Amino acid sequence: MTTSPASTPLLKRAIDHAPTVRGHARLVIKRWAWLVCTTVLAVASFYACIAWKSIGLTVLCVFFYPFMLTLTFVAVRRTQRVKKILSTYPWQAYPCSYPPRALEQPVVIRIRFSEQYAPTFRITPFSVELDRKQNPQPDMIWFAGDPRYGGVVSPVGGHYPVRVVPEDMGDGVPGGAPEEDVLAERAGLVKGGKARRS
């Protein structure tokens, strides 16, 4: 008997799933490459500013590159949080939908954890069209985390893990047991009793 593509691996931790390990490694490599490229461009631009004595280029560099370096460094650090979540929770499959948004707004996903509870999550730190990422079932998503605080999602198969945070908790947020709260704190989803929004 074959399992359906939505079936999740019977593992206690999502990080023990081989496609997830490869997907997370690709994410780490890609974000480190962004950081290295941004750093090289910043150094080259500042060198050009000195060599050409260009005030316009200097102003651009002073305002643009610190922001870009900070953004890419934060993205690299977030990969550690993704790994921590994947190391704490198993993959679970849920029905999902992608509410339409304006182009400049981040991509969101609505996950139906139960008939009464279907919160909306924002994909962070960069928007990704998950329904187009080698996804055999766009109406299903793999989720590792706590439905109250967010976690990590991937298209069916676990090969493209990305962080999600609550955008709209919706009505009827279920209560959690004390051990679930401890697990969420250990995974880094909650800090000091408050959900992390990034």
N, C-alpha and C. Protein backbone atom coordinates (compact mmCIF):
# COMPACT_ATOMS: atom_id res chain seq x y z
N MET A 1 0.84 -1.19 0.00
CA MET A 1 0.00 0.00 0.00
C MET A 1 0.88 1.24 0.00
N THR A 2 0.61 2.19 -0.89
CA THR A 2 1.39 3.42 -0.96
C THR A 2 0.70 4.50 -0.17
N THR A 3 1.49 5.40 0.38
CA THR A 3 0.92 6.51 1.13
C THR A 3 0.69 7.68 0.19
N SER A 4 -0.23 8.55 0.55
CA SER A 4 -0.50 9.72 -0.27
C SER A 4 0.62 10.73 -0.09
N PRO A 5 0.82 11.64 -1.05
CA PRO A 5 1.89 12.62 -0.92
C PRO A 5 1.76 13.50 0.31
N ALA A 6 0.53 13.65 0.84
CA ALA A 6 0.33 14.52 2.00
C ALA A 6 0.79 13.86 3.29
N SER A 7 0.99 12.53 3.27
CA SER A 7 1.40 11.82 4.48
C SER A 7 2.75 12.34 4.96
N THR A 8 2.82 12.61 6.24
CA THR A 8 4.07 13.12 6.81
C THR A 8 4.89 11.95 7.36
N PRO A 9 6.19 12.11 7.45
CA PRO A 9 7.02 11.03 7.99
C PRO A 9 6.74 10.82 9.48
N LEU A 10 6.81 9.57 9.91
CA LEU A 10 6.55 9.25 11.32
C LEU A 10 7.83 9.44 12.13
N LEU A 11 8.20 10.70 12.30
CA LEU A 11 9.40 11.06 13.04
C LEU A 11 9.03 12.03 14.15
N LYS A 12 9.78 12.01 15.23
CA LYS A 12 9.50 12.93 16.34
C LYS A 12 9.97 14.34 16.04
N ARG A 13 10.93 14.46 15.13
CA ARG A 13 11.47 15.78 14.78
C ARG A 13 11.50 15.92 13.26
N ALA A 14 11.06 17.04 12.77
CA ALA A 14 11.06 17.27 11.33
C ALA A 14 12.48 17.28 10.75
N ILE A 15 13.45 17.69 11.55
CA ILE A 15 14.83 17.79 11.07
C ILE A 15 15.43 16.41 10.80
N ASP A 16 14.80 15.35 11.27
CA ASP A 16 15.28 13.99 11.01
C ASP A 16 14.85 13.48 9.64
N HIS A 17 14.07 14.25 8.92
CA HIS A 17 13.57 13.89 7.59
C HIS A 17 14.60 14.35 6.55
N ALA A 18 15.14 13.42 5.77
CA ALA A 18 16.25 13.74 4.84
C ALA A 18 15.95 14.88 3.87
N PRO A 19 14.78 14.92 3.19
CA PRO A 19 14.52 16.07 2.30
C PRO A 19 14.47 17.39 3.05
N THR A 20 14.04 17.37 4.31
CA THR A 20 14.01 18.59 5.11
C THR A 20 15.42 19.06 5.43
N VAL A 21 16.31 18.13 5.76
CA VAL A 21 17.71 18.48 6.03
C VAL A 21 18.32 19.13 4.79
N ARG A 22 18.09 18.54 3.62
CA ARG A 22 18.63 19.11 2.37
C ARG A 22 18.01 20.47 2.07
N GLY A 23 16.70 20.60 2.29
CA GLY A 23 16.03 21.88 2.06
C GLY A 23 16.53 22.97 2.99
N HIS A 24 16.76 22.63 4.26
CA HIS A 24 17.29 23.61 5.20
C HIS A 24 18.72 23.98 4.84
N ALA A 25 19.51 23.00 4.42
CA ALA A 25 20.90 23.29 4.02
C ALA A 25 20.93 24.23 2.82
N ARG A 26 20.03 24.02 1.86
CA ARG A 26 19.94 24.94 0.70
C ARG A 26 19.57 26.35 1.15
N LEU A 27 18.64 26.44 2.10
CA LEU A 27 18.23 27.74 2.63
C LEU A 27 19.41 28.45 3.29
N VAL A 28 20.18 27.73 4.10
CA VAL A 28 21.34 28.31 4.77
C VAL A 28 22.37 28.78 3.74
N ILE A 29 22.68 27.94 2.76
CA ILE A 29 23.66 28.29 1.73
C ILE A 29 23.21 29.52 0.96
N LYS A 30 21.94 29.54 0.58
CA LYS A 30 21.42 30.68 -0.19
C LYS A 30 21.52 31.98 0.60
N ARG A 31 21.18 31.93 1.88
CA ARG A 31 21.22 33.16 2.69
C ARG A 31 22.65 33.60 2.98
N TRP A 32 23.57 32.65 3.19
CA TRP A 32 24.97 33.02 3.37
C TRP A 32 25.53 33.61 2.07
N ALA A 33 25.11 33.07 0.94
CA ALA A 33 25.56 33.61 -0.35
C ALA A 33 25.07 35.04 -0.52
N TRP A 34 23.82 35.31 -0.11
CA TRP A 34 23.30 36.69 -0.17
C TRP A 34 24.14 37.60 0.69
N LEU A 35 24.47 37.14 1.90
CA LEU A 35 25.26 37.97 2.81
C LEU A 35 26.65 38.25 2.22
N VAL A 36 27.29 37.23 1.69
CA VAL A 36 28.63 37.41 1.10
C VAL A 36 28.55 38.35 -0.11
N CYS A 37 27.58 38.14 -0.99
CA CYS A 37 27.44 39.01 -2.18
C CYS A 37 27.17 40.45 -1.78
N THR A 38 26.29 40.65 -0.80
CA THR A 38 25.98 42.00 -0.34
C THR A 38 27.21 42.66 0.26
N THR A 39 27.99 41.91 1.04
CA THR A 39 29.20 42.45 1.64
C THR A 39 30.23 42.82 0.58
N VAL A 40 30.42 41.95 -0.42
CA VAL A 40 31.37 42.24 -1.50
C VAL A 40 30.93 43.47 -2.28
N LEU A 41 29.64 43.57 -2.59
CA LEU A 41 29.14 44.75 -3.31
C LEU A 41 29.32 46.02 -2.48
N ALA A 42 29.09 45.93 -1.18
CA ALA A 42 29.26 47.10 -0.31
C ALA A 42 30.71 47.56 -0.31
N VAL A 43 31.64 46.62 -0.15
CA VAL A 43 33.06 46.97 -0.13
C VAL A 43 33.48 47.56 -1.47
N ALA A 44 33.03 46.93 -2.57
CA ALA A 44 33.38 47.44 -3.90
C ALA A 44 32.80 48.83 -4.14
N SER A 45 31.58 49.06 -3.67
CA SER A 45 30.95 50.37 -3.85
C SER A 45 31.66 51.44 -3.04
N PHE A 46 32.03 51.11 -1.80
CA PHE A 46 32.75 52.10 -1.00
C PHE A 46 34.14 52.38 -1.58
N TYR A 47 34.77 51.37 -2.13
CA TYR A 47 36.06 51.58 -2.81
C TYR A 47 35.87 52.50 -4.02
N ALA A 48 34.79 52.28 -4.77
CA ALA A 48 34.50 53.12 -5.94
C ALA A 48 34.23 54.56 -5.50
N CYS A 49 33.54 54.71 -4.37
CA CYS A 49 33.28 56.07 -3.84
C CYS A 49 34.58 56.80 -3.56
N ILE A 50 35.54 56.10 -2.97
CA ILE A 50 36.83 56.72 -2.64
C ILE A 50 37.61 57.01 -3.91
N ALA A 51 37.63 56.03 -4.82
CA ALA A 51 38.42 56.17 -6.05
C ALA A 51 37.86 57.27 -6.96
N TRP A 52 36.53 57.34 -7.09
CA TRP A 52 35.92 58.31 -8.01
C TRP A 52 35.54 59.62 -7.33
N LYS A 53 35.60 59.63 -5.99
CA LYS A 53 35.21 60.82 -5.21
C LYS A 53 33.80 61.28 -5.59
N SER A 54 32.90 60.29 -5.67
CA SER A 54 31.51 60.56 -6.06
C SER A 54 30.64 60.73 -4.82
N ILE A 55 30.10 61.93 -4.66
CA ILE A 55 29.25 62.22 -3.51
C ILE A 55 27.92 61.47 -3.63
N GLY A 56 27.37 61.43 -4.83
CA GLY A 56 26.09 60.73 -5.04
C GLY A 56 26.19 59.25 -4.71
N LEU A 57 27.24 58.61 -5.18
CA LEU A 57 27.44 57.19 -4.91
C LEU A 57 27.71 56.97 -3.42
N THR A 58 28.43 57.89 -2.79
CA THR A 58 28.71 57.78 -1.36
C THR A 58 27.41 57.84 -0.55
N VAL A 59 26.55 58.80 -0.89
CA VAL A 59 25.26 58.93 -0.18
C VAL A 59 24.44 57.65 -0.37
N LEU A 60 24.40 57.14 -1.59
CA LEU A 60 23.66 55.90 -1.86
C LEU A 60 24.21 54.75 -1.02
N CYS A 61 25.53 54.62 -0.98
CA CYS A 61 26.16 53.54 -0.21
C CYS A 61 25.88 53.66 1.28
N VAL A 62 25.97 54.87 1.80
CA VAL A 62 25.78 55.09 3.23
C VAL A 62 24.36 54.72 3.67
N PHE A 63 23.37 54.98 2.81
CA PHE A 63 21.99 54.69 3.19
C PHE A 63 21.55 53.28 2.78
N PHE A 64 22.02 52.77 1.68
CA PHE A 64 21.55 51.50 1.14
C PHE A 64 22.23 50.29 1.76
N TYR A 65 23.55 50.27 1.80
CA TYR A 65 24.25 49.05 2.21
C TYR A 65 24.10 48.69 3.69
N PRO A 66 24.10 49.63 4.63
CA PRO A 66 23.85 49.21 6.01
C PRO A 66 22.49 48.50 6.16
N PHE A 67 21.47 49.03 5.47
CA PHE A 67 20.15 48.40 5.51
C PHE A 67 20.20 46.99 4.91
N MET A 68 20.82 46.85 3.74
CA MET A 68 20.89 45.55 3.07
C MET A 68 21.71 44.55 3.87
N LEU A 69 22.82 45.00 4.43
CA LEU A 69 23.64 44.09 5.24
C LEU A 69 22.89 43.62 6.49
N THR A 70 22.17 44.53 7.12
CA THR A 70 21.37 44.17 8.29
C THR A 70 20.29 43.17 7.92
N LEU A 71 19.60 43.42 6.82
CA LEU A 71 18.53 42.54 6.38
C LEU A 71 19.05 41.14 6.07
N THR A 72 20.13 41.04 5.35
CA THR A 72 20.66 39.72 5.00
C THR A 72 21.24 39.01 6.23
N PHE A 73 21.85 39.76 7.15
CA PHE A 73 22.37 39.15 8.37
C PHE A 73 21.22 38.59 9.22
N VAL A 74 20.13 39.34 9.31
CA VAL A 74 18.96 38.86 10.06
C VAL A 74 18.40 37.60 9.41
N ALA A 75 18.36 37.57 8.09
CA ALA A 75 17.87 36.38 7.37
C ALA A 75 18.74 35.16 7.67
N VAL A 76 20.05 35.36 7.73
CA VAL A 76 20.95 34.25 8.07
C VAL A 76 20.67 33.76 9.48
N ARG A 77 20.48 34.67 10.42
CA ARG A 77 20.20 34.28 11.81
C ARG A 77 18.87 33.55 11.93
N ARG A 78 17.91 33.93 11.10
CA ARG A 78 16.60 33.28 11.16
C ARG A 78 16.67 31.81 10.75
N THR A 79 17.67 31.44 9.97
CA THR A 79 17.81 30.03 9.60
C THR A 79 18.09 29.18 10.83
N GLN A 80 18.74 29.77 11.83
CA GLN A 80 18.98 29.05 13.09
C GLN A 80 17.67 28.81 13.82
N ARG A 81 16.78 29.80 13.78
CA ARG A 81 15.47 29.64 14.42
C ARG A 81 14.66 28.57 13.70
N VAL A 82 14.73 28.54 12.37
CA VAL A 82 14.04 27.52 11.59
C VAL A 82 14.53 26.14 12.01
N LYS A 83 15.85 25.98 12.14
CA LYS A 83 16.41 24.69 12.54
C LYS A 83 15.96 24.30 13.95
N LYS A 84 15.89 25.27 14.83
CA LYS A 84 15.47 24.99 16.21
C LYS A 84 14.02 24.49 16.24
N ILE A 85 13.17 25.10 15.43
CA ILE A 85 11.76 24.67 15.36
C ILE A 85 11.67 23.28 14.77
N LEU A 86 12.41 23.05 13.67
CA LEU A 86 12.40 21.73 13.03
C LEU A 86 12.97 20.66 13.94
N SER A 87 13.84 21.05 14.86
CA SER A 87 14.43 20.10 15.80
C SER A 87 13.52 19.83 16.99
N THR A 88 12.44 20.59 17.12
CA THR A 88 11.54 20.46 18.26
C THR A 88 10.22 19.78 17.89
N TYR A 89 9.71 20.07 16.69
CA TYR A 89 8.39 19.60 16.29
C TYR A 89 8.47 18.63 15.11
N PRO A 90 7.49 17.72 15.00
CA PRO A 90 7.40 16.86 13.81
C PRO A 90 6.60 17.56 12.71
N TRP A 91 6.72 17.06 11.49
CA TRP A 91 5.87 17.54 10.40
C TRP A 91 4.46 16.99 10.59
N GLN A 92 3.48 17.84 10.29
CA GLN A 92 2.08 17.43 10.25
C GLN A 92 1.46 18.05 9.01
N ALA A 93 0.55 17.34 8.36
CA ALA A 93 -0.09 17.83 7.14
C ALA A 93 -1.45 18.44 7.45
N TYR A 94 -1.72 19.62 6.84
CA TYR A 94 -2.99 20.31 7.03
C TYR A 94 -3.46 20.90 5.71
N PRO A 95 -4.77 21.05 5.56
CA PRO A 95 -5.28 21.77 4.39
C PRO A 95 -4.90 23.25 4.52
N CYS A 96 -4.70 23.91 3.38
CA CYS A 96 -4.33 25.32 3.42
C CYS A 96 -4.90 26.05 2.22
N SER A 97 -4.85 27.37 2.29
CA SER A 97 -5.22 28.23 1.16
C SER A 97 -4.34 29.46 1.21
N TYR A 98 -4.28 30.16 0.10
CA TYR A 98 -3.44 31.35 -0.01
C TYR A 98 -4.33 32.55 -0.31
N PRO A 99 -4.73 33.30 0.73
CA PRO A 99 -5.60 34.46 0.48
C PRO A 99 -4.91 35.46 -0.45
N PRO A 100 -5.64 36.01 -1.41
CA PRO A 100 -5.03 36.99 -2.32
C PRO A 100 -4.62 38.25 -1.58
N ARG A 101 -3.49 38.82 -2.01
CA ARG A 101 -2.96 40.03 -1.38
C ARG A 101 -2.49 40.99 -2.47
N ALA A 102 -2.36 42.25 -2.09
CA ALA A 102 -1.76 43.22 -3.00
C ALA A 102 -0.31 42.85 -3.22
N LEU A 103 0.25 43.23 -4.36
CA LEU A 103 1.61 42.82 -4.73
C LEU A 103 2.67 43.24 -3.72
N GLU A 104 2.51 44.40 -3.12
CA GLU A 104 3.56 44.88 -2.21
C GLU A 104 3.45 44.28 -0.81
N GLN A 105 2.39 43.54 -0.52
CA GLN A 105 2.22 42.95 0.80
C GLN A 105 2.84 41.56 0.85
N PRO A 106 3.26 41.11 2.04
CA PRO A 106 3.87 39.78 2.13
C PRO A 106 2.86 38.68 1.84
N VAL A 107 3.38 37.57 1.36
CA VAL A 107 2.54 36.41 1.09
C VAL A 107 2.07 35.82 2.41
N VAL A 108 0.81 35.41 2.44
CA VAL A 108 0.26 34.79 3.64
C VAL A 108 -0.34 33.44 3.26
N ILE A 109 -0.48 32.61 4.28
CA ILE A 109 -1.08 31.29 4.09
C ILE A 109 -2.06 31.06 5.23
N ARG A 110 -3.22 30.53 4.89
CA ARG A 110 -4.22 30.20 5.91
C ARG A 110 -4.19 28.68 6.07
N ILE A 111 -3.95 28.23 7.29
CA ILE A 111 -3.85 26.80 7.57
C ILE A 111 -5.06 26.40 8.41
N ARG A 112 -5.76 25.35 7.95
CA ARG A 112 -6.93 24.87 8.67
C ARG A 112 -6.51 23.73 9.61
N PHE A 113 -6.29 24.11 10.89
CA PHE A 113 -5.90 23.12 11.89
C PHE A 113 -7.10 22.31 12.36
N SER A 114 -8.28 22.95 12.32
CA SER A 114 -9.53 22.26 12.67
C SER A 114 -10.67 23.04 12.01
N GLU A 115 -11.87 22.53 12.12
CA GLU A 115 -13.02 23.23 11.53
C GLU A 115 -13.22 24.60 12.17
N GLN A 116 -12.84 24.74 13.44
CA GLN A 116 -13.05 25.99 14.16
C GLN A 116 -11.84 26.92 14.12
N TYR A 117 -10.70 26.42 13.72
CA TYR A 117 -9.48 27.22 13.85
C TYR A 117 -8.65 27.17 12.57
N ALA A 118 -8.61 28.30 11.88
CA ALA A 118 -7.83 28.42 10.63
C ALA A 118 -7.16 29.79 10.58
N PRO A 119 -6.06 29.97 11.34
CA PRO A 119 -5.39 31.27 11.37
C PRO A 119 -4.61 31.55 10.09
N THR A 120 -4.27 32.81 9.92
CA THR A 120 -3.47 33.26 8.78
C THR A 120 -2.05 33.52 9.27
N PHE A 121 -1.07 33.02 8.52
CA PHE A 121 0.34 33.20 8.85
C PHE A 121 1.04 33.96 7.75
N ARG A 122 1.99 34.79 8.14
CA ARG A 122 2.82 35.54 7.20
C ARG A 122 4.14 34.79 7.03
N ILE A 123 4.57 34.63 5.79
CA ILE A 123 5.84 33.98 5.50
C ILE A 123 6.94 35.02 5.67
N THR A 124 7.97 34.69 6.46
CA THR A 124 8.99 35.66 6.82
C THR A 124 10.39 35.03 6.76
N PRO A 125 11.45 35.76 6.57
CA PRO A 125 11.52 37.21 6.41
C PRO A 125 11.26 37.65 4.97
N PHE A 126 11.24 36.72 4.00
CA PHE A 126 10.97 37.08 2.61
C PHE A 126 9.74 36.33 2.14
N SER A 127 8.93 36.99 1.34
CA SER A 127 7.73 36.35 0.80
C SER A 127 8.12 35.28 -0.21
N VAL A 128 7.43 34.15 -0.14
CA VAL A 128 7.68 33.03 -1.04
C VAL A 128 6.33 32.48 -1.48
N GLU A 129 6.19 32.21 -2.75
CA GLU A 129 4.97 31.59 -3.29
C GLU A 129 5.09 30.08 -3.10
N LEU A 130 4.72 29.60 -1.93
CA LEU A 130 4.90 28.19 -1.61
C LEU A 130 4.10 27.26 -2.52
N ASP A 131 2.96 27.72 -3.00
CA ASP A 131 2.15 26.86 -3.85
C ASP A 131 2.82 26.57 -5.19
N ARG A 132 3.92 27.27 -5.48
CA ARG A 132 4.64 27.06 -6.74
C ARG A 132 6.01 26.41 -6.55
N LYS A 133 6.36 26.03 -5.35
CA LYS A 133 7.69 25.48 -5.05
C LYS A 133 7.65 23.95 -5.07
N GLN A 134 7.66 23.37 -6.25
CA GLN A 134 7.66 21.91 -6.41
C GLN A 134 6.62 21.30 -5.48
N ASN A 135 5.42 21.81 -5.57
CA ASN A 135 4.37 21.41 -4.64
C ASN A 135 3.36 20.49 -5.33
N PRO A 136 3.37 19.19 -4.99
CA PRO A 136 2.44 18.27 -5.63
C PRO A 136 0.99 18.48 -5.20
N GLN A 137 0.79 19.12 -4.05
CA GLN A 137 -0.56 19.36 -3.54
C GLN A 137 -0.65 20.78 -2.99
N PRO A 138 -0.95 21.77 -3.84
CA PRO A 138 -1.00 23.16 -3.36
C PRO A 138 -2.04 23.43 -2.27
N ASP A 139 -3.03 22.53 -2.13
CA ASP A 139 -4.06 22.74 -1.12
C ASP A 139 -3.70 22.09 0.22
N MET A 140 -2.48 21.53 0.32
CA MET A 140 -1.99 20.94 1.56
C MET A 140 -0.64 21.57 1.90
N ILE A 141 -0.33 21.61 3.20
CA ILE A 141 0.95 22.15 3.64
C ILE A 141 1.47 21.29 4.78
N TRP A 142 2.77 21.14 4.85
CA TRP A 142 3.37 20.50 6.02
C TRP A 142 3.73 21.61 7.00
N PHE A 143 3.40 21.39 8.27
CA PHE A 143 3.60 22.39 9.32
C PHE A 143 4.31 21.74 10.49
N ALA A 144 5.35 22.41 11.00
CA ALA A 144 6.04 22.01 12.22
C ALA A 144 6.03 23.22 13.13
N GLY A 145 5.39 23.11 14.26
CA GLY A 145 5.32 24.25 15.17
C GLY A 145 4.09 24.17 16.05
N ASP A 146 3.73 25.30 16.60
CA ASP A 146 2.56 25.42 17.46
C ASP A 146 1.54 26.29 16.72
N PRO A 147 0.34 25.78 16.48
CA PRO A 147 -0.66 26.56 15.73
C PRO A 147 -0.96 27.93 16.33
N ARG A 148 -0.70 28.11 17.62
CA ARG A 148 -0.97 29.40 18.25
C ARG A 148 0.11 30.43 17.93
N TYR A 149 1.36 29.96 17.73
CA TYR A 149 2.49 30.88 17.64
C TYR A 149 3.24 30.83 16.31
N GLY A 150 2.88 29.91 15.44
CA GLY A 150 3.58 29.79 14.17
C GLY A 150 4.57 28.66 14.19
N GLY A 151 5.47 28.67 13.21
CA GLY A 151 6.45 27.61 13.11
C GLY A 151 7.13 27.64 11.76
N VAL A 152 7.24 26.47 11.16
CA VAL A 152 7.86 26.31 9.85
C VAL A 152 6.89 25.55 8.96
N VAL A 153 6.76 25.99 7.73
CA VAL A 153 5.93 25.27 6.76
C VAL A 153 6.79 24.86 5.57
N SER A 154 6.30 23.87 4.86
CA SER A 154 6.95 23.43 3.62
C SER A 154 5.88 22.88 2.71
N PRO A 155 6.08 23.01 1.40
CA PRO A 155 5.21 22.27 0.50
C PRO A 155 5.28 20.79 0.86
N VAL A 156 4.28 20.03 0.47
CA VAL A 156 4.24 18.60 0.75
C VAL A 156 5.56 17.97 0.31
N GLY A 157 6.20 17.28 1.23
CA GLY A 157 7.49 16.65 0.97
C GLY A 157 8.59 17.18 1.88
N GLY A 158 8.38 18.33 2.50
CA GLY A 158 9.34 18.87 3.46
C GLY A 158 10.61 19.44 2.87
N HIS A 159 10.64 19.64 1.57
CA HIS A 159 11.88 20.02 0.88
C HIS A 159 12.14 21.52 0.84
N TYR A 160 11.20 22.35 1.27
CA TYR A 160 11.37 23.81 1.19
C TYR A 160 10.85 24.45 2.47
N PRO A 161 11.58 24.28 3.60
CA PRO A 161 11.09 24.82 4.87
C PRO A 161 11.29 26.33 4.97
N VAL A 162 10.23 27.04 5.38
CA VAL A 162 10.29 28.48 5.60
C VAL A 162 9.52 28.82 6.87
N ARG A 163 9.89 29.92 7.50
CA ARG A 163 9.30 30.36 8.76
C ARG A 163 7.98 31.08 8.51
N VAL A 164 7.00 30.81 9.38
CA VAL A 164 5.73 31.54 9.35
C VAL A 164 5.41 32.04 10.75
N VAL A 165 4.84 33.24 10.79
CA VAL A 165 4.43 33.83 12.06
C VAL A 165 2.97 34.23 11.96
N PRO A 166 2.25 34.25 13.08
CA PRO A 166 0.83 34.60 13.02
C PRO A 166 0.62 36.02 12.53
N GLU A 167 -0.29 36.16 11.60
CA GLU A 167 -0.70 37.50 11.18
C GLU A 167 -2.08 37.79 11.74
N ASP A 168 -2.95 36.84 11.61
CA ASP A 168 -4.31 36.97 12.10
C ASP A 168 -4.64 35.69 12.85
N MET A 169 -4.71 35.77 14.16
CA MET A 169 -4.95 34.57 14.95
C MET A 169 -6.37 34.05 14.77
N GLY A 170 -7.26 34.88 14.26
CA GLY A 170 -8.62 34.42 14.02
C GLY A 170 -9.38 34.23 15.33
N ASP A 171 -10.58 33.74 15.20
CA ASP A 171 -11.41 33.51 16.38
C ASP A 171 -11.16 32.11 16.92
N GLY A 172 -11.41 31.95 18.16
CA GLY A 172 -11.34 30.63 18.78
C GLY A 172 -9.95 30.06 18.89
N VAL A 173 -8.99 30.89 19.31
CA VAL A 173 -7.63 30.39 19.49
C VAL A 173 -7.66 29.35 20.60
N PRO A 174 -7.20 28.13 20.29
CA PRO A 174 -7.27 27.10 21.32
C PRO A 174 -6.26 27.36 22.43
N GLY A 175 -6.62 26.95 23.62
CA GLY A 175 -5.69 27.05 24.73
C GLY A 175 -4.64 25.96 24.62
N GLY A 176 -3.55 26.16 25.28
CA GLY A 176 -2.48 25.16 25.23
C GLY A 176 -2.19 24.61 26.61
N ALA A 177 -1.73 23.38 26.62
CA ALA A 177 -1.33 22.76 27.87
C ALA A 177 0.02 23.34 28.30
N PRO A 178 0.34 23.30 29.59
CA PRO A 178 1.63 23.84 30.06
C PRO A 178 2.83 23.23 29.33
N GLU A 179 2.77 21.92 29.01
CA GLU A 179 3.90 21.30 28.31
C GLU A 179 4.03 21.82 26.88
N GLU A 180 2.91 22.21 26.26
CA GLU A 180 2.96 22.82 24.93
C GLU A 180 3.60 24.20 24.99
N ASP A 181 3.31 24.94 26.05
CA ASP A 181 3.92 26.26 26.23
C ASP A 181 5.43 26.13 26.45
N VAL A 182 5.85 25.13 27.21
CA VAL A 182 7.28 24.90 27.44
C VAL A 182 7.96 24.53 26.13
N LEU A 183 7.32 23.69 25.33
CA LEU A 183 7.86 23.28 24.03
C LEU A 183 8.00 24.49 23.10
N ALA A 184 6.99 25.35 23.08
CA ALA A 184 7.04 26.55 22.24
C ALA A 184 8.16 27.49 22.68
N GLU A 185 8.37 27.59 23.98
CA GLU A 185 9.46 28.42 24.51
C GLU A 185 10.81 27.83 24.12
N ARG A 186 10.94 26.51 24.22
CA ARG A 186 12.20 25.84 23.87
C ARG A 186 12.50 25.97 22.37
N ALA A 187 11.46 25.96 21.55
CA ALA A 187 11.65 26.07 20.10
C ALA A 187 11.93 27.50 19.65
N GLY A 188 11.75 28.47 20.55
CA GLY A 188 11.98 29.86 20.19
C GLY A 188 10.77 30.53 19.56
N LEU A 189 9.61 29.88 19.63
CA LEU A 189 8.38 30.49 19.10
C LEU A 189 7.85 31.55 20.05
N VAL A 190 8.17 31.38 21.33
CA VAL A 190 7.70 32.28 22.38
C VAL A 190 8.91 32.73 23.18
N LYS A 191 8.92 33.99 23.55
CA LYS A 191 9.98 34.49 24.42
C LYS A 191 9.32 35.35 25.50
N GLY A 192 9.51 34.97 26.75
CA GLY A 192 8.92 35.71 27.87
C GLY A 192 7.40 35.71 27.83
N GLY A 193 6.81 34.62 27.31
CA GLY A 193 5.35 34.51 27.25
C GLY A 193 4.72 35.20 26.06
N LYS A 194 5.51 35.84 25.20
CA LYS A 194 4.97 36.53 24.02
C LYS A 194 5.45 35.84 22.76
N ALA A 195 4.53 35.70 21.80
CA ALA A 195 4.87 35.07 20.52
C ALA A 195 5.85 35.96 19.75
N ARG A 196 6.86 35.33 19.18
CA ARG A 196 7.80 36.07 18.32
C ARG A 196 7.14 36.33 16.98
N ARG A 197 7.26 37.54 16.52
CA ARG A 197 6.61 37.94 15.27
C ARG A 197 7.57 37.92 14.09
N SER A 198 8.72 37.30 14.27
CA SER A 198 9.69 37.23 13.16
C SER A 198 10.41 35.90 13.19
